[in-house]
Amino acid sequence: MEHPITPPFELMNQWYKKACKDPYNGGKFIMSQVLKDICNSAAQWGADQELEACCAEVSWFTADILRAARRPNPPSLKEQALGAMGRFTVNAHTNADEMNRDFDTIRLALEALPND
């Protein structure tokens, strides 16, 4: 008998198939990335199971507050761009790739602005 928090086989198989596809390496199998992706997916799934079990024990109002606190929204593009600008201001980049990602984030934020 499996532990009740063990993800279903179909879900584990889905994670494995997703992790095996590496678009940056011509779709070749990279074990370290596979393990990283599977571990990330498994940890998130387990955390989601725990959160829902906790929410089932409290009122709907409290459950909504708990979900909002435990699963915050990712930063908006504006917030990401402001963070990137802050790194440029204090010269906090450690390598060229990091700087290029920040340039891309700022570019995307500017492109999202309406044309006046």
Protein backbone atom coordinates (compact mmCIF):
# COMPACT_ATOMS: atom_id res chain seq x y z
CA MET A 1 0.00 0.00 0.00
CA GLU A 2 1.30 3.44 -0.94
CA HIS A 3 1.51 6.33 1.48
CA PRO A 4 -1.55 8.64 1.15
CA ILE A 5 0.61 11.57 0.07
CA THR A 6 2.30 9.61 -2.75
CA PRO A 7 1.36 11.21 -6.06
CA PRO A 8 -0.57 9.04 -8.51
CA PHE A 9 1.49 7.09 -11.05
CA GLU A 10 -0.05 9.03 -13.96
CA LEU A 11 1.10 12.31 -12.41
CA MET A 12 4.61 11.02 -11.75
CA ASN A 13 4.78 9.76 -15.35
CA GLN A 14 3.66 13.19 -16.60
CA TRP A 15 6.43 14.87 -14.57
CA TYR A 16 9.00 12.41 -15.89
CA LYS A 17 7.99 12.99 -19.54
CA LYS A 18 8.05 16.76 -19.05
CA ALA A 19 11.44 16.67 -17.35
CA CYS A 20 13.04 14.51 -20.07
CA LYS A 21 12.49 17.16 -22.74
CA ASP A 22 15.27 19.71 -22.66
CA PRO A 23 14.53 22.35 -25.32
CA TYR A 24 17.92 23.97 -24.74
CA ASN A 25 19.82 20.81 -25.57
CA GLY A 26 18.02 19.63 -28.70
CA GLY A 27 15.59 17.57 -26.63
CA LYS A 28 18.39 15.37 -25.28
CA PHE A 29 18.07 13.68 -21.92
CA ILE A 30 19.98 15.42 -19.12
CA MET A 31 19.80 13.53 -15.83
CA SER A 32 20.55 16.44 -13.51
CA GLN A 33 17.80 18.57 -15.06
CA VAL A 34 15.38 15.63 -15.01
CA LEU A 35 15.97 15.06 -11.33
CA LYS A 36 15.68 18.78 -10.59
CA ASP A 37 12.38 19.08 -12.47
CA ILE A 38 10.91 15.96 -10.88
CA CYS A 39 11.94 17.08 -7.41
CA ASN A 40 10.45 20.54 -7.96
CA SER A 41 7.18 19.08 -9.25
CA ALA A 42 6.98 16.56 -6.43
CA ALA A 43 7.67 19.18 -3.77
CA GLN A 44 5.04 21.52 -5.22
CA TRP A 45 2.47 18.72 -5.50
CA GLY A 46 3.10 17.65 -1.90
CA ALA A 47 2.83 21.23 -0.66
CA ASP A 48 -0.44 21.67 -2.57
CA GLN A 49 -1.82 18.47 -1.01
CA GLU A 50 -0.89 19.68 2.47
CA LEU A 51 -2.38 23.14 1.85
CA GLU A 52 -5.67 21.66 0.66
CA ALA A 53 -5.80 19.29 3.66
CA CYS A 54 -5.28 22.27 5.99
CA CYS A 55 -7.90 24.34 4.17
CA ALA A 56 -10.42 21.49 4.52
CA GLU A 57 -10.14 21.82 8.31
CA VAL A 58 -10.95 25.54 8.53
CA SER A 59 -13.80 27.79 7.44
CA TRP A 60 -14.00 28.85 3.78
CA PHE A 61 -13.07 32.41 4.74
CA THR A 62 -9.98 31.31 6.63
CA ALA A 63 -9.12 28.87 3.82
CA ASP A 64 -9.11 31.71 1.27
CA ILE A 65 -6.79 33.78 3.49
CA LEU A 66 -4.53 30.77 4.01
CA ARG A 67 -4.34 30.01 0.27
CA ALA A 68 -3.55 33.65 -0.54
CA ALA A 69 -0.77 33.72 2.06
CA ARG A 70 0.77 30.37 1.10
CA ARG A 71 0.46 30.72 -2.68
CA PRO A 72 1.25 34.36 -3.43
CA ASN A 73 1.11 35.57 -7.01
CA PRO A 74 4.44 35.87 -8.80
CA PRO A 75 5.76 39.42 -9.18
CA SER A 76 4.22 41.41 -12.00
CA LEU A 77 6.27 42.34 -15.05
CA LYS A 78 6.45 45.89 -13.68
CA GLU A 79 7.82 44.62 -10.34
CA GLN A 80 10.34 42.41 -12.15
CA ALA A 81 11.50 45.32 -14.32
CA LEU A 82 11.87 47.58 -11.27
CA GLY A 83 13.98 44.89 -9.61
CA ALA A 84 16.13 44.63 -12.74
CA MET A 85 16.61 48.42 -12.79
CA GLY A 86 17.63 48.26 -9.14
CA ARG A 87 20.32 45.69 -9.97
CA PHE A 88 21.66 47.98 -12.72
CA THR A 89 21.66 50.91 -10.30
CA VAL A 90 23.88 49.13 -7.77
CA ASN A 91 25.89 47.15 -10.36
CA ALA A 92 24.75 43.87 -8.79
CA HIS A 93 25.10 41.61 -11.84
CA THR A 94 27.46 38.68 -11.39
CA ASN A 95 27.66 37.66 -15.06
CA ALA A 96 26.60 38.62 -18.58
CA ASP A 97 23.72 36.12 -18.70
CA GLU A 98 22.15 37.69 -15.64
CA MET A 99 22.51 41.15 -17.18
CA ASN A 100 20.96 39.96 -20.46
CA ARG A 101 17.97 38.47 -18.60
CA ASP A 102 17.45 41.79 -16.85
CA PHE A 103 17.66 43.66 -20.19
CA ASP A 104 15.04 41.26 -21.59
CA THR A 105 12.75 41.80 -18.59
CA ILE A 106 12.96 45.58 -18.95
CA ARG A 107 12.40 45.32 -22.72
CA LEU A 108 9.28 43.15 -22.17
CA ALA A 109 7.94 45.64 -19.62
CA LEU A 110 8.47 48.54 -22.01
CA GLU A 111 6.84 46.66 -24.89
CA ALA A 112 3.81 46.00 -22.67
CA LEU A 113 3.22 49.74 -22.21
CA PRO A 114 0.50 51.23 -24.38
CA ASN A 115 1.58 53.22 -27.42
CA ASP A 116 0.83 56.90 -26.82
